[in-house]
Amino acid sequence: MGRLDETLDADLVEKVRAGNKVAFGELVEPHLPRLLGLARRMLGTAEEAEDALQNALASTWVARAKLDPQKPAAAYLTTVTLNKCRDRLRRRKVTQFLGFGTFEPDMPVAAVQPDAEAELADRQELEMVSRAIDRLPVRLREALVLVAIDGRSQREAAELLGVTEKTIETRVYRARQRLREKLDFV
């Protein structure tokens, strides 16, 4: 981020802290696609991801006094979004444990009109990978999603999760190792 962008973000954060809703929209709008993608990969469904992101934005607005103009807003927004995803995952786990329902990922497969057999195979493979990622412990899944899918550096992921870079490296390695054990083609 350039110096000018940092100054603009700091100005927007000050306005948000003062209760300016338009400034809040301007501050979060550029981050929405990335945050929605992160939530989608953490939770597996578009509907849950949208709900988690809405909750994250509402929480950010309510706790806007915690925004620090000297720190990047992207990191704060990512942390809040991850926390809302964790909350949903915990609720899902309790719901499944108590037998109130099962989770079925509704991941669509983008296609350039493949034949029905190839599309079915792709859907099955995607569903299998999605389920394997969903079964990873949350700490491993977070590291994997942030680094391997969201494209963040290990340093950024470490800062967001409040751990060392070595911890992120280890978690990503272990996540990939577990996926390889479950899926022989990964």
Protein backbone atom coordinates (compact mmCIF):
# COMPACT_ATOMS: atom_id res chain seq x y z
CA MET A 1 0.00 0.00 0.00
CA GLY A 2 1.42 3.38 -0.95
CA ARG A 3 1.86 6.33 1.38
CA LEU A 4 -1.12 8.16 -0.13
CA ASP A 5 -3.40 5.11 0.34
CA GLU A 6 -2.31 4.82 3.98
CA THR A 7 -3.14 8.51 4.55
CA LEU A 8 -6.55 8.07 2.91
CA ASP A 9 -7.25 4.98 5.05
CA ALA A 10 -6.20 6.83 8.19
CA ASP A 11 -8.54 9.70 7.29
CA LEU A 12 -11.40 7.28 6.62
CA VAL A 13 -10.76 5.46 9.91
CA GLU A 14 -10.94 8.76 11.80
CA LYS A 15 -14.26 9.56 10.11
CA VAL A 16 -15.58 6.05 10.88
CA ARG A 17 -14.55 6.37 14.50
CA ALA A 18 -16.59 9.61 14.58
CA GLY A 19 -19.65 7.70 13.32
CA ASN A 20 -19.61 8.52 9.60
CA LYS A 21 -21.45 5.66 7.84
CA VAL A 22 -20.48 6.83 4.34
CA ALA A 23 -16.80 6.70 5.33
CA PHE A 24 -17.36 3.19 6.72
CA GLY A 25 -18.72 2.10 3.35
CA GLU A 26 -15.75 3.65 1.57
CA LEU A 27 -13.34 1.97 3.97
CA VAL A 28 -14.74 -1.57 3.71
CA GLU A 29 -15.97 -1.64 0.09
CA PRO A 30 -12.59 -2.40 -1.53
CA HIS A 31 -12.08 -5.33 0.86
CA LEU A 32 -15.50 -6.98 0.44
CA PRO A 33 -14.68 -9.40 -2.42
CA ARG A 34 -11.56 -10.68 -0.63
CA LEU A 35 -13.35 -10.99 2.73
CA LEU A 36 -16.31 -12.76 1.15
CA GLY A 37 -13.95 -15.17 -0.60
CA LEU A 38 -12.15 -15.85 2.66
CA ALA A 39 -15.42 -16.53 4.50
CA ARG A 40 -16.65 -18.72 1.62
CA ARG A 41 -13.51 -20.85 1.77
CA MET A 42 -13.67 -21.13 5.55
CA LEU A 43 -17.37 -22.02 5.72
CA GLY A 44 -18.04 -23.80 2.43
CA THR A 45 -21.32 -22.12 1.47
CA ALA A 46 -22.05 -18.74 -0.05
CA GLU A 47 -25.03 -18.17 2.25
CA GLU A 48 -23.06 -18.78 5.44
CA ALA A 49 -20.16 -16.70 4.14
CA GLU A 50 -22.45 -13.75 3.42
CA ASP A 51 -24.01 -14.03 6.88
CA ALA A 52 -20.59 -14.23 8.56
CA LEU A 53 -19.33 -11.23 6.60
CA GLN A 54 -22.44 -9.22 7.46
CA ASN A 55 -21.91 -10.05 11.13
CA ALA A 56 -18.24 -9.09 10.85
CA LEU A 57 -19.09 -5.72 9.31
CA ALA A 58 -21.80 -5.07 11.91
CA SER A 59 -19.36 -5.94 14.70
CA THR A 60 -16.72 -3.68 13.17
CA TRP A 61 -19.20 -0.80 13.03
CA VAL A 62 -20.33 -1.35 16.63
CA ALA A 63 -16.71 -1.55 17.84
CA ARG A 64 -15.43 1.17 15.49
CA ALA A 65 -13.63 2.89 18.37
CA LYS A 66 -11.14 -0.03 18.26
CA LEU A 67 -10.05 0.88 14.73
CA ASP A 68 -6.53 2.27 14.78
CA PRO A 69 -5.75 4.85 12.08
CA GLN A 70 -2.07 3.85 12.27
CA LYS A 71 -2.78 0.21 11.32
CA PRO A 72 -4.12 -1.19 8.05
CA ALA A 73 -7.89 -1.63 8.07
CA ALA A 74 -7.55 -4.79 5.93
CA ALA A 75 -5.87 -6.72 8.74
CA TYR A 76 -8.53 -5.72 11.28
CA LEU A 77 -11.37 -6.59 8.89
CA THR A 78 -9.77 -9.96 8.10
CA THR A 79 -9.38 -10.79 11.80
CA VAL A 80 -13.00 -9.91 12.57
CA THR A 81 -14.20 -11.95 9.58
CA LEU A 82 -12.12 -14.95 10.65
CA ASN A 83 -13.55 -14.69 14.16
CA LYS A 84 -17.12 -14.70 12.82
CA CYS A 85 -16.26 -17.75 10.68
CA ARG A 86 -14.87 -19.51 13.77
CA ASP A 87 -18.10 -18.75 15.64
CA ARG A 88 -20.16 -20.29 12.84
CA LEU A 89 -17.91 -23.35 12.69
CA ARG A 90 -18.29 -23.88 16.44
CA ARG A 91 -22.09 -23.58 16.17
CA ARG A 92 -22.08 -25.99 13.22
CA LYS A 93 -20.04 -28.51 15.20
CA VAL A 94 -22.46 -28.33 18.15
CA THR A 95 -25.45 -28.65 15.83
CA GLN A 96 -23.97 -31.71 14.14
CA PHE A 97 -22.99 -33.24 17.48
CA LEU A 98 -26.52 -32.84 18.77
CA GLY A 99 -27.92 -34.24 15.53
CA PHE A 100 -29.91 -31.18 14.45
CA GLY A 101 -28.82 -31.47 10.83
CA THR A 102 -25.98 -32.18 8.50
CA PHE A 103 -23.83 -29.89 6.44
CA GLU A 104 -24.00 -30.29 2.68
CA PRO A 105 -21.65 -28.06 0.69
CA ASP A 106 -23.32 -26.47 -2.32
CA MET A 107 -20.17 -25.64 -4.23
CA PRO A 108 -21.01 -24.99 -7.89
CA VAL A 109 -18.46 -25.99 -10.47
CA ALA A 110 -17.63 -23.44 -13.15
CA ALA A 111 -17.71 -25.17 -16.51
CA VAL A 112 -17.17 -24.37 -20.15
CA GLN A 113 -19.84 -26.90 -21.06
CA PRO A 114 -18.00 -30.13 -20.27
CA ASP A 115 -19.75 -33.38 -20.93
CA ALA A 116 -22.05 -34.64 -18.18
CA GLU A 117 -19.61 -37.34 -17.08
CA ALA A 118 -16.69 -34.91 -16.69
CA GLU A 119 -18.91 -32.44 -14.85
CA LEU A 120 -20.08 -35.14 -12.44
CA ALA A 121 -16.48 -36.25 -11.82
CA ASP A 122 -15.41 -32.63 -11.23
CA ARG A 123 -18.28 -32.04 -8.81
CA GLN A 124 -17.45 -35.19 -6.89
CA GLU A 125 -13.77 -34.28 -6.72
CA LEU A 126 -14.55 -30.73 -5.59
CA GLU A 127 -16.98 -31.99 -2.97
CA MET A 128 -14.42 -34.51 -1.71
CA VAL A 129 -11.70 -31.83 -1.43
CA SER A 130 -14.14 -29.40 0.18
CA ARG A 131 -15.18 -31.97 2.77
CA ALA A 132 -11.55 -32.87 3.47
CA ILE A 133 -10.73 -29.19 4.05
CA ASP A 134 -13.85 -28.81 6.23
CA ARG A 135 -12.65 -31.72 8.40
CA LEU A 136 -9.29 -30.10 9.06
CA PRO A 137 -8.90 -28.62 12.54
CA VAL A 138 -9.78 -24.91 12.47
CA ARG A 139 -6.20 -23.78 13.14
CA LEU A 140 -4.88 -25.80 10.19
CA ARG A 141 -7.76 -24.73 7.95
CA GLU A 142 -7.24 -21.03 8.76
CA ALA A 143 -3.55 -21.19 7.92
CA LEU A 144 -4.18 -23.16 4.72
CA VAL A 145 -6.96 -20.83 3.53
CA LEU A 146 -5.01 -17.66 4.29
CA VAL A 147 -1.75 -18.80 2.67
CA ALA A 148 -2.61 -21.33 -0.04
CA ILE A 149 -6.01 -20.06 -1.13
CA ASP A 150 -6.23 -16.37 -0.14
CA GLY A 151 -2.64 -15.82 -1.33
CA ARG A 152 -1.31 -14.14 1.80
CA SER A 153 2.31 -14.41 2.83
CA GLN A 154 3.16 -16.47 5.89
CA ARG A 155 4.11 -13.24 7.65
CA GLU A 156 0.67 -11.69 6.96
CA ALA A 157 -1.11 -14.85 8.10
CA ALA A 158 1.02 -14.96 11.26
CA GLU A 159 0.16 -11.35 12.08
CA LEU A 160 -3.55 -11.93 11.46
CA LEU A 161 -3.67 -15.04 13.63
CA GLY A 162 -1.30 -13.75 16.30
CA VAL A 163 1.28 -16.52 15.92
CA THR A 164 4.81 -16.85 14.53
CA GLU A 165 5.66 -17.38 10.87
CA LYS A 166 7.10 -20.78 11.78
CA THR A 167 3.74 -21.75 13.32
CA ILE A 168 1.98 -20.80 10.07
CA GLU A 169 4.53 -22.74 8.04
CA THR A 170 3.99 -25.80 10.23
CA ARG A 171 0.19 -25.51 10.12
CA VAL A 172 0.12 -25.21 6.32
CA TYR A 173 2.49 -28.17 6.02
CA ARG A 174 0.35 -30.28 8.36
CA ALA A 175 -2.87 -29.27 6.59
CA ARG A 176 -1.43 -30.27 3.22
CA GLN A 177 -0.06 -33.50 4.69
CA ARG A 178 -3.48 -34.43 6.08
CA LEU A 179 -5.13 -33.63 2.77
CA ARG A 180 -2.60 -35.82 0.94
CA GLU A 181 -3.36 -38.69 3.31
CA LYS A 182 -7.08 -38.38 2.65
CA LEU A 183 -6.86 -37.57 -1.06
CA ASP A 184 -4.23 -39.47 -3.01
CA PHE A 185 -4.30 -36.97 -5.93
CA VAL A 186 -3.45 -33.77 -3.98
